[in-house]
Amino acid sequence: MDAGRGRSGQQVKQQGGKGAPGAKGASGGKKVPVRSNDRKPFYLLLGAIALAAVVFIGWQMSQTKSFGVITVDPTIQLPEASGYLIGSATAPVEILEFADFECPACGSFATLTEPDVRKRLVETGQARFRFMDFPLAIHKNTWDAHMAAACANEQGKFWEMHDQIFARQDQWNGMVTNKPKAVLSRLARDLQINMSQWDECYDSQKYKLNIAATQREGERRLVQSTPTFIIGDKLLPGAIGFDQVKAYVDSAAAKAAASPVTPLGGDTALKKGPPPAKQ
């Protein structure tokens, strides 16, 4: 049978083909008009996306960039390098830690070992613990974190902020953002800190010289890395476990009983209020 022919040999007419008289499409050959109302949801969605983009860009631009590495004139007179103390000032032994908030090893000590040190040594009166700012130049967001903690201390919340900064180190460090204030301010807000006061303190770098003072004190004591601990007459670089801390505390306590040592500086974090040294 020839292609295109029916059983009777007559050629089969194509349905709906070109030139077929009276052939119409599914719509009967008429164009369906597109009403303007049909496009309204699309334009509304497009406008919403554009508005969200503008808001996001504006928010990004409003965020404060990292302070970077802050330098201080070496000839300037700095305030007392007293750091932040927790525990009794009359405890027989002081655990002195020079630390960088962005330092991973410092974060490990703060989250894994320090809670035991505070509970089993500080709270029992065997030792006091003093945190000393020692921001390293290799960490671009660390000054921001030290400033955030200093400004929290102004409202009596240093140790709470200290703990949160280390616990959330992966959210604000220099590897993940160049605008750490967004995270640091959220941590402060979660601690119910007065944000207008905190923002003013942070943005003005109010305690820059205080941080520089403890940094310089660390250099004077030959601190070269973080964390570095000084317990009694021992300088101990690197994160150490609780058992090691306890052993050094016990040894220092025995020596202190024979020859008492005057505690370093005053307390800036034990009392609720700003540190005595101001700029």
C-alpha atoms as a PDB file:
ATOM      1  CA  MET A   1       0.000   0.000   0.000  1.00  0.00           C
ATOM      2  CA  ASP A   2       1.384   3.408  -0.956  1.00  0.00           C
ATOM      3  CA  ALA A   3       2.122   5.729   1.907  1.00  0.00           C
ATOM      4  CA  GLY A   4      -0.588   8.335   2.289  1.00  0.00           C
ATOM      5  CA  ARG A   5      -3.341   6.291   0.547  1.00  0.00           C
ATOM      6  CA  GLY A   6      -6.339   4.613   2.139  1.00  0.00           C
ATOM      7  CA  ARG A   7      -7.713   1.165   1.424  1.00  0.00           C
ATOM      8  CA  SER A   8      -9.666   2.438  -1.578  1.00  0.00           C
ATOM      9  CA  GLY A   9      -6.572   3.889  -3.122  1.00  0.00           C
ATOM     10  CA  GLN A  10      -7.750   7.398  -2.586  1.00  0.00           C
ATOM     11  CA  GLN A  11      -5.258   9.803  -1.060  1.00  0.00           C
ATOM     12  CA  VAL A  12      -5.897  10.577   2.577  1.00  0.00           C
ATOM     13  CA  LYS A  13      -6.256  14.248   3.371  1.00  0.00           C
ATOM     14  CA  GLN A  14      -4.011  15.570   6.139  1.00  0.00           C
ATOM     15  CA  GLN A  15      -5.863  16.836   9.159  1.00  0.00           C
ATOM     16  CA  GLY A  16      -5.023  20.297  10.345  1.00  0.00           C
ATOM     17  CA  GLY A  17      -2.209  20.669   7.835  1.00  0.00           C
ATOM     18  CA  LYS A  18      -1.330  23.801   5.962  1.00  0.00           C
ATOM     19  CA  GLY A  19      -3.877  24.648   3.419  1.00  0.00           C
ATOM     20  CA  ALA A  20      -6.415  22.221   4.775  1.00  0.00           C
ATOM     21  CA  PRO A  21      -9.655  24.145   4.493  1.00  0.00           C
ATOM     22  CA  GLY A  22     -11.383  24.823   7.697  1.00  0.00           C
ATOM     23  CA  ALA A  23      -8.509  23.362   9.810  1.00  0.00           C
ATOM     24  CA  LYS A  24      -8.376  24.911  13.276  1.00  0.00           C
ATOM     25  CA  GLY A  25      -6.124  24.481  16.329  1.00  0.00           C
ATOM     26  CA  ALA A  26      -7.221  23.491  19.793  1.00  0.00           C
ATOM     27  CA  SER A  27      -8.344  27.044  20.342  1.00  0.00           C
ATOM     28  CA  GLY A  28     -10.376  27.061  17.221  1.00  0.00           C
ATOM     29  CA  GLY A  29      -7.748  29.119  15.347  1.00  0.00           C
ATOM     30  CA  LYS A  30      -8.164  32.097  17.603  1.00  0.00           C
ATOM     31  CA  LYS A  31      -5.327  33.633  19.688  1.00  0.00           C
ATOM     32  CA  VAL A  32      -5.929  33.641  23.430  1.00  0.00           C
ATOM     33  CA  PRO A  33      -5.267  37.129  24.715  1.00  0.00           C
ATOM     34  CA  VAL A  34      -2.892  37.363  27.713  1.00  0.00           C
ATOM     35  CA  ARG A  35      -4.507  39.577  30.267  1.00  0.00           C
ATOM     36  CA  SER A  36      -2.310  41.998  32.208  1.00  0.00           C
ATOM     37  CA  ASN A  37      -3.700  40.602  35.470  1.00  0.00           C
ATOM     38  CA  ASP A  38      -2.146  37.210  34.623  1.00  0.00           C
ATOM     39  CA  ARG A  39       1.351  38.780  34.788  1.00  0.00           C
ATOM     40  CA  LYS A  40       0.762  40.670  38.020  1.00  0.00           C
ATOM     41  CA  PRO A  41       1.982  37.889  40.389  1.00  0.00           C
ATOM     42  CA  PHE A  42       5.171  37.574  38.331  1.00  0.00           C
ATOM     43  CA  TYR A  43       5.907  41.280  38.571  1.00  0.00           C
ATOM     44  CA  LEU A  44       5.134  41.282  42.297  1.00  0.00           C
ATOM     45  CA  LEU A  45       7.558  38.410  42.840  1.00  0.00           C
ATOM     46  CA  LEU A  46      10.213  40.147  40.763  1.00  0.00           C
ATOM     47  CA  GLY A  47       9.749  43.343  42.774  1.00  0.00           C
ATOM     48  CA  ALA A  48       9.992  41.461  46.072  1.00  0.00           C
ATOM     49  CA  ILE A  49      13.257  39.822  44.992  1.00  0.00           C
ATOM     50  CA  ALA A  50      14.685  43.176  43.926  1.00  0.00           C
ATOM     51  CA  LEU A  51      13.662  44.774  47.220  1.00  0.00           C
ATOM     52  CA  ALA A  52      15.217  41.923  49.219  1.00  0.00           C
ATOM     53  CA  ALA A  53      18.442  42.306  47.259  1.00  0.00           C
ATOM     54  CA  VAL A  54      18.575  46.035  47.974  1.00  0.00           C
ATOM     55  CA  VAL A  55      17.924  45.470  51.686  1.00  0.00           C
ATOM     56  CA  PHE A  56      20.599  42.762  51.871  1.00  0.00           C
ATOM     57  CA  ILE A  57      23.186  44.915  50.093  1.00  0.00           C
ATOM     58  CA  GLY A  58      22.364  47.817  52.391  1.00  0.00           C
ATOM     59  CA  TRP A  59      22.702  45.592  55.443  1.00  0.00           C
ATOM     60  CA  GLN A  60      26.052  44.274  54.219  1.00  0.00           C
ATOM     61  CA  MET A  61      27.350  47.792  53.656  1.00  0.00           C
ATOM     62  CA  SER A  62      26.218  48.840  57.123  1.00  0.00           C
ATOM     63  CA  GLN A  63      28.234  46.108  58.842  1.00  0.00           C
ATOM     64  CA  THR A  64      31.513  47.239  60.351  1.00  0.00           C
ATOM     65  CA  LYS A  65      34.541  45.611  58.803  1.00  0.00           C
ATOM     66  CA  SER A  66      37.214  43.985  60.907  1.00  0.00           C
ATOM     67  CA  PHE A  67      39.578  46.283  62.811  1.00  0.00           C
ATOM     68  CA  GLY A  68      42.437  44.242  61.406  1.00  0.00           C
ATOM     69  CA  VAL A  69      45.720  44.444  63.283  1.00  0.00           C
ATOM     70  CA  ILE A  70      45.751  47.475  65.574  1.00  0.00           C
ATOM     71  CA  THR A  71      49.090  49.073  66.316  1.00  0.00           C
ATOM     72  CA  VAL A  72      49.890  51.407  69.182  1.00  0.00           C
ATOM     73  CA  ASP A  73      52.681  53.959  69.393  1.00  0.00           C
ATOM     74  CA  PRO A  74      55.397  52.178  71.418  1.00  0.00           C
ATOM     75  CA  THR A  75      56.274  55.429  73.182  1.00  0.00           C
ATOM     76  CA  ILE A  76      52.748  56.036  74.503  1.00  0.00           C
ATOM     77  CA  GLN A  77      52.010  55.645  78.202  1.00  0.00           C
ATOM     78  CA  LEU A  78      49.786  52.601  78.652  1.00  0.00           C
ATOM     79  CA  PRO A  79      47.409  51.850  81.527  1.00  0.00           C
ATOM     80  CA  GLU A  80      48.067  49.092  84.047  1.00  0.00           C
ATOM     81  CA  ALA A  81      48.199  45.617  82.495  1.00  0.00           C
ATOM     82  CA  SER A  82      45.764  44.017  84.905  1.00  0.00           C
ATOM     83  CA  GLY A  83      43.731  41.733  82.630  1.00  0.00           C
ATOM     84  CA  TYR A  84      40.543  40.066  83.907  1.00  0.00           C
ATOM     85  CA  LEU A  85      40.428  38.128  87.148  1.00  0.00           C
ATOM     86  CA  ILE A  86      38.055  35.423  88.302  1.00  0.00           C
ATOM     87  CA  GLY A  87      38.288  33.968  91.779  1.00  0.00           C
ATOM     88  CA  SER A  88      39.563  35.299  95.077  1.00  0.00           C
ATOM     89  CA  ALA A  89      42.351  37.840  94.923  1.00  0.00           C
ATOM     90  CA  THR A  90      43.768  36.225  98.061  1.00  0.00           C
ATOM     91  CA  ALA A  91      44.003  32.705  96.589  1.00  0.00           C
ATOM     92  CA  PRO A  92      47.517  31.318  97.140  1.00  0.00           C
ATOM     93  CA  VAL A  93      48.268  30.732  93.450  1.00  0.00           C
ATOM     94  CA  GLU A  94      47.514  32.682  90.297  1.00  0.00           C
ATOM     95  CA  ILE A  95      47.043  31.042  86.908  1.00  0.00           C
ATOM     96  CA  LEU A  96      47.949  33.661  84.346  1.00  0.00           C
ATOM     97  CA  GLU A  97      46.879  33.030  80.768  1.00  0.00           C
ATOM     98  CA  PHE A  98      48.027  35.113  77.811  1.00  0.00           C
ATOM     99  CA  ALA A  99      45.537  34.285  75.084  1.00  0.00           C
ATOM    100  CA  ASP A 100      44.266  35.267  71.650  1.00  0.00           C
ATOM    101  CA  PHE A 101      40.510  34.944  71.116  1.00  0.00           C
ATOM    102  CA  GLU A 102      41.004  33.730  67.538  1.00  0.00           C
ATOM    103  CA  CYS A 103      43.678  31.168  68.458  1.00  0.00           C
ATOM    104  CA  PRO A 104      42.309  27.601  67.972  1.00  0.00           C
ATOM    105  CA  ALA A 105      44.437  26.196  70.824  1.00  0.00           C
ATOM    106  CA  CYS A 106      43.118  28.936  73.130  1.00  0.00           C
ATOM    107  CA  GLY A 107      39.595  28.028  72.097  1.00  0.00           C
ATOM    108  CA  SER A 108      40.264  24.381  72.842  1.00  0.00           C
ATOM    109  CA  PHE A 109      41.564  25.187  76.326  1.00  0.00           C
ATOM    110  CA  ALA A 110      38.703  27.591  77.043  1.00  0.00           C
ATOM    111  CA  THR A 111      35.985  25.123  76.090  1.00  0.00           C
ATOM    112  CA  LEU A 112      37.489  21.823  77.258  1.00  0.00           C
ATOM    113  CA  THR A 113      39.852  22.472  80.182  1.00  0.00           C
ATOM    114  CA  GLU A 114      39.046  25.858  81.654  1.00  0.00           C
ATOM    115  CA  PRO A 115      35.576  24.874  82.938  1.00  0.00           C
ATOM    116  CA  ASP A 116      37.251  22.231  85.137  1.00  0.00           C
ATOM    117  CA  VAL A 117      39.923  24.685  86.246  1.00  0.00           C
ATOM    118  CA  ARG A 118      37.293  27.173  87.346  1.00  0.00           C
ATOM    119  CA  LYS A 119      35.111  24.608  89.104  1.00  0.00           C
ATOM    120  CA  ARG A 120      37.778  22.517  90.808  1.00  0.00           C
ATOM    121  CA  LEU A 121      40.529  25.043  91.471  1.00  0.00           C
ATOM    122  CA  VAL A 122      39.099  28.564  91.334  1.00  0.00           C
ATOM    123  CA  GLU A 123      35.763  27.974  93.044  1.00  0.00           C
ATOM    124  CA  THR A 124      37.459  25.936  95.770  1.00  0.00           C
ATOM    125  CA  GLY A 125      39.858  28.797  96.527  1.00  0.00           C
ATOM    126  CA  GLN A 126      43.022  26.950  95.512  1.00  0.00           C
ATOM    127  CA  ALA A 127      43.816  29.379  92.709  1.00  0.00           C
ATOM    128  CA  ARG A 128      42.653  32.488  90.940  1.00  0.00           C
ATOM    129  CA  PHE A 129      42.585  32.768  87.143  1.00  0.00           C
ATOM    130  CA  ARG A 130      43.597  35.845  85.186  1.00  0.00           C
ATOM    131  CA  PHE A 131      43.010  36.285  81.456  1.00  0.00           C
ATOM    132  CA  MET A 132      45.461  38.564  79.642  1.00  0.00           C
ATOM    133  CA  ASP A 133      44.780  39.877  76.126  1.00  0.00           C
ATOM    134  CA  PHE A 134      47.489  38.845  73.684  1.00  0.00           C
ATOM    135  CA  PRO A 135      46.136  39.356  70.141  1.00  0.00           C
ATOM    136  CA  LEU A 136      48.429  37.934  67.487  1.00  0.00           C
ATOM    137  CA  ALA A 137      49.075  39.704  64.191  1.00  0.00           C
ATOM    138  CA  ILE A 138      48.319  36.531  62.205  1.00  0.00           C
ATOM    139  CA  HIS A 139      44.643  36.676  63.247  1.00  0.00           C
ATOM    140  CA  LYS A 140      42.806  39.474  61.469  1.00  0.00           C
ATOM    141  CA  ASN A 141      39.611  39.424  63.566  1.00  0.00           C
ATOM    142  CA  THR A 142      41.113  38.892  66.989  1.00  0.00           C
ATOM    143  CA  TRP A 143      41.246  42.585  67.933  1.00  0.00           C
ATOM    144  CA  ASP A 144      37.510  42.754  67.280  1.00  0.00           C
ATOM    145  CA  ALA A 145      36.902  39.893  69.688  1.00  0.00           C
ATOM    146  CA  HIS A 146      39.154  41.346  72.394  1.00  0.00           C
ATOM    147  CA  MET A 147      37.368  44.686  72.020  1.00  0.00           C
ATOM    148  CA  ALA A 148      33.974  42.984  72.219  1.00  0.00           C
ATOM    149  CA  ALA A 149      34.950  41.300  75.478  1.00  0.00           C
ATOM    150  CA  ALA A 150      36.414  44.496  76.943  1.00  0.00           C
ATOM    151  CA  CYS A 151      33.204  46.372  76.171  1.00  0.00           C
ATOM    152  CA  ALA A 152      31.166  43.572  77.742  1.00  0.00           C
ATOM    153  CA  ASN A 153      33.370  43.872  80.823  1.00  0.00           C
ATOM    154  CA  GLU A 154      32.304  47.502  81.070  1.00  0.00           C
ATOM    155  CA  GLN A 155      28.863  46.126  81.914  1.00  0.00           C
ATOM    156  CA  GLY A 156      30.133  43.359  84.187  1.00  0.00           C
ATOM    157  CA  LYS A 157      29.832  40.589  81.567  1.00  0.00           C
ATOM    158  CA  PHE A 158      33.431  39.821  80.605  1.00  0.00           C
ATOM    159  CA  TRP A 159      33.475  36.134  81.508  1.00  0.00           C
ATOM    160  CA  GLU A 160      30.096  35.479  79.935  1.00  0.00           C
ATOM    161  CA  MET A 161      31.289  37.138  76.723  1.00  0.00           C
ATOM    162  CA  HIS A 162      34.665  35.378  76.967  1.00  0.00           C
ATOM    163  CA  ASP A 163      32.909  32.008  77.033  1.00  0.00           C
ATOM    164  CA  GLN A 164      30.597  32.808  74.117  1.00  0.00           C
ATOM    165  CA  ILE A 165      33.371  34.249  71.941  1.00  0.00           C
ATOM    166  CA  PHE A 166      35.418  31.079  72.303  1.00  0.00           C
ATOM    167  CA  ALA A 167      32.398  28.792  71.923  1.00  0.00           C
ATOM    168  CA  ARG A 168      31.399  30.555  68.669  1.00  0.00           C
ATOM    169  CA  GLN A 169      34.936  31.003  67.346  1.00  0.00           C
ATOM    170  CA  ASP A 170      33.992  29.206  64.119  1.00  0.00           C
ATOM    171  CA  GLN A 171      31.360  31.857  63.334  1.00  0.00           C
ATOM    172  CA  TRP A 172      33.420  35.058  63.519  1.00  0.00           C
ATOM    173  CA  ASN A 173      37.072  34.130  62.883  1.00  0.00           C
ATOM    174  CA  GLY A 174      39.008  35.599  59.977  1.00  0.00           C
ATOM    175  CA  MET A 175      38.617  32.486  57.840  1.00  0.00           C
ATOM    176  CA  VAL A 176      34.839  32.831  57.634  1.00  0.00           C
ATOM    177  CA  THR A 177      34.161  36.592  57.643  1.00  0.00           C
ATOM    178  CA  ASN A 178      35.753  40.010  57.417  1.00  0.00           C
ATOM    179  CA  LYS A 179      32.846  41.561  59.327  1.00  0.00           C
ATOM    180  CA  PRO A 180      32.954  39.883  62.747  1.00  0.00           C
ATOM    181  CA  LYS A 181      30.890  42.541  64.494  1.00  0.00           C
ATOM    182  CA  ALA A 182      27.672  41.020  63.159  1.00  0.00           C
ATOM    183  CA  VAL A 183      28.332  37.841  65.168  1.00  0.00           C
ATOM    184  CA  LEU A 184      29.963  39.522  68.166  1.00  0.00           C
ATOM    185  CA  SER A 185      27.078  41.960  68.575  1.00  0.00           C
ATOM    186  CA  ARG A 186      24.612  39.062  68.461  1.00  0.00           C
ATOM    187  CA  LEU A 187      26.528  37.363  71.269  1.00  0.00           C
ATOM    188  CA  ALA A 188      26.401  40.577  73.297  1.00  0.00           C
ATOM    189  CA  ARG A 189      22.685  40.945  72.639  1.00  0.00           C
ATOM    190  CA  ASP A 190      22.062  37.365  73.756  1.00  0.00           C
ATOM    191  CA  LEU A 191      23.745  38.237  77.063  1.00  0.00           C
ATOM    192  CA  GLN A 192      21.274  41.119  77.480  1.00  0.00           C
ATOM    193  CA  ILE A 193      24.015  43.715  77.285  1.00  0.00           C
ATOM    194  CA  ASN A 194      23.010  47.357  76.717  1.00  0.00           C
ATOM    195  CA  MET A 195      23.705  47.479  72.984  1.00  0.00           C
ATOM    196  CA  SER A 196      23.864  51.243  72.506  1.00  0.00           C
ATOM    197  CA  GLN A 197      26.576  51.445  75.180  1.00  0.00           C
ATOM    198  CA  TRP A 198      28.355  48.377  73.812  1.00  0.00           C
ATOM    199  CA  ASP A 199      28.251  49.660  70.209  1.00  0.00           C
ATOM    200  CA  GLU A 200      29.693  53.030  71.203  1.00  0.00           C
ATOM    201  CA  CYS A 201      32.446  51.331  73.178  1.00  0.00           C
ATOM    202  CA  TYR A 202      33.256  48.867  70.396  1.00  0.00           C
ATOM    203  CA  ASP A 203      33.190  51.320  67.492  1.00  0.00           C
ATOM    204  CA  SER A 204      35.392  53.840  69.311  1.00  0.00           C
ATOM    205  CA  GLN A 205      37.911  51.127  70.277  1.00  0.00           C
ATOM    206  CA  LYS A 206      37.612  52.460  73.806  1.00  0.00           C
ATOM    207  CA  TYR A 207      39.862  49.872  75.425  1.00  0.00           C
ATOM    208  CA  LYS A 208      42.501  49.668  72.717  1.00  0.00           C
ATOM    209  CA  LEU A 209      45.245  50.830  75.070  1.00  0.00           C
ATOM    210  CA  ASN A 210      44.187  48.424  77.813  1.00  0.00           C
ATOM    211  CA  ILE A 211      44.481  45.523  75.381  1.00  0.00           C
ATOM    212  CA  ALA A 212      47.827  46.831  74.148  1.00  0.00           C
ATOM    213  CA  ALA A 213      49.033  47.087  77.752  1.00  0.00           C
ATOM    214  CA  THR A 214      48.492  43.391  78.469  1.00  0.00           C
ATOM    215  CA  GLN A 215      50.014  42.539  75.103  1.00  0.00           C
ATOM    216  CA  ARG A 216      53.127  44.504  75.998  1.00  0.00           C
ATOM    217  CA  GLU A 217      53.225  42.840  79.418  1.00  0.00           C
ATOM    218  CA  GLY A 218      53.236  39.468  77.686  1.00  0.00           C
ATOM    219  CA  GLU A 219      56.125  40.524  75.486  1.00  0.00           C
ATOM    220  CA  ARG A 220      58.013  41.686  78.582  1.00  0.00           C
ATOM    221  CA  ARG A 221      57.481  38.226  80.062  1.00  0.00           C
ATOM    222  CA  LEU A 222      58.795  36.602  76.843  1.00  0.00           C
ATOM    223  CA  VAL A 223      55.435  35.256  75.699  1.00  0.00           C
ATOM    224  CA  GLN A 224      55.787  34.228  72.055  1.00  0.00           C
ATOM    225  CA  SER A 225      52.685  32.149  71.356  1.00  0.00           C
ATOM    226  CA  THR A 226      49.172  31.522  72.614  1.00  0.00           C
ATOM    227  CA  PRO A 227      48.028  30.246  74.880  1.00  0.00           C
ATOM    228  CA  THR A 228      50.906  30.734  77.302  1.00  0.00           C
ATOM    229  CA  PHE A 229      50.406  30.150  81.007  1.00  0.00           C
ATOM    230  CA  ILE A 230      52.408  31.412  83.930  1.00  0.00           C
ATOM    231  CA  ILE A 231      51.838  29.454  87.132  1.00  0.00           C
ATOM    232  CA  GLY A 232      54.172  30.316  89.946  1.00  0.00           C
ATOM    233  CA  ASP A 233      57.631  30.576  88.407  1.00  0.00           C
ATOM    234  CA  LYS A 234      56.802  28.396  85.394  1.00  0.00           C
ATOM    235  CA  LEU A 235      56.154  29.741  81.899  1.00  0.00           C
ATOM    236  CA  LEU A 236      54.155  27.138  79.979  1.00  0.00           C
ATOM    237  CA  PRO A 237      53.484  27.638  76.253  1.00  0.00           C
ATOM    238  CA  GLY A 238      50.644  25.701  74.621  1.00  0.00           C
ATOM    239  CA  ALA A 239      47.299  24.347  75.773  1.00  0.00           C
ATOM    240  CA  ILE A 240      47.637  22.090  78.817  1.00  0.00           C
ATOM    241  CA  GLY A 241      45.205  19.667  80.430  1.00  0.00           C
ATOM    242  CA  PHE A 242      43.609  19.904  83.836  1.00  0.00           C
ATOM    243  CA  ASP A 243      45.961  17.414  85.488  1.00  0.00           C
ATOM    244  CA  GLN A 244      48.964  19.464  84.387  1.00  0.00           C
ATOM    245  CA  VAL A 245      47.378  22.686  85.630  1.00  0.00           C
ATOM    246  CA  LYS A 246      46.602  21.040  88.967  1.00  0.00           C
ATOM    247  CA  ALA A 247      50.160  19.740  89.345  1.00  0.00           C
ATOM    248  CA  TYR A 248      51.668  23.184  88.667  1.00  0.00           C
ATOM    249  CA  VAL A 249      49.176  24.823  91.038  1.00  0.00           C
ATOM    250  CA  ASP A 250      50.059  22.377  93.813  1.00  0.00           C
ATOM    251  CA  SER A 251      53.770  22.964  93.271  1.00  0.00           C
ATOM    252  CA  ALA A 252      53.339  26.746  93.221  1.00  0.00           C
ATOM    253  CA  ALA A 253      51.166  26.616  96.347  1.00  0.00           C
ATOM    254  CA  ALA A 254      53.896  24.820  98.250  1.00  0.00           C
ATOM    255  CA  LYS A 255      56.432  27.462  97.228  1.00  0.00           C
ATOM    256  CA  ALA A 256      54.003  30.318  97.898  1.00  0.00           C
ATOM    257  CA  ALA A 257      53.482  29.096 101.457  1.00  0.00           C
ATOM    258  CA  ALA A 258      57.170  29.666 102.068  1.00  0.00           C
ATOM    259  CA  SER A 259      57.468  32.995 100.236  1.00  0.00           C
ATOM    260  CA  PRO A 260      54.177  34.816  99.465  1.00  0.00           C
ATOM    261  CA  VAL A 261      54.061  36.812  96.229  1.00  0.00           C
ATOM    262  CA  THR A 262      52.068  40.043  95.761  1.00  0.00           C
ATOM    263  CA  PRO A 263      49.245  39.467  93.232  1.00  0.00           C
ATOM    264  CA  LEU A 264      49.503  41.156  89.846  1.00  0.00           C
ATOM    265  CA  GLY A 265      47.500  44.367  89.410  1.00  0.00           C
ATOM    266  CA  GLY A 266      43.871  44.895  90.290  1.00  0.00           C
ATOM    267  CA  ASP A 267      40.683  43.122  89.365  1.00  0.00           C
ATOM    268  CA  THR A 268      38.873  44.277  86.227  1.00  0.00           C
ATOM    269  CA  ALA A 269      36.273  41.568  85.810  1.00  0.00           C
ATOM    270  CA  LEU A 270      35.362  40.352  89.286  1.00  0.00           C
ATOM    271  CA  LYS A 271      33.467  43.500  90.165  1.00  0.00           C
ATOM    272  CA  LYS A 272      30.492  44.667  88.167  1.00  0.00           C
ATOM    273  CA  GLY A 273      31.627  47.813  86.460  1.00  0.00           C
ATOM    274  CA  PRO A 274      34.271  49.284  84.151  1.00  0.00           C
ATOM    275  CA  PRO A 275      37.964  48.565  84.656  1.00  0.00           C
ATOM    276  CA  PRO A 276      39.870  51.264  86.538  1.00  0.00           C
ATOM    277  CA  ALA A 277      42.135  52.067  83.628  1.00  0.00           C
ATOM    278  CA  LYS A 278      40.408  54.216  81.023  1.00  0.00           C
ATOM    279  CA  GLN A 279      41.529  56.163  78.016  1.00  0.00           C
END
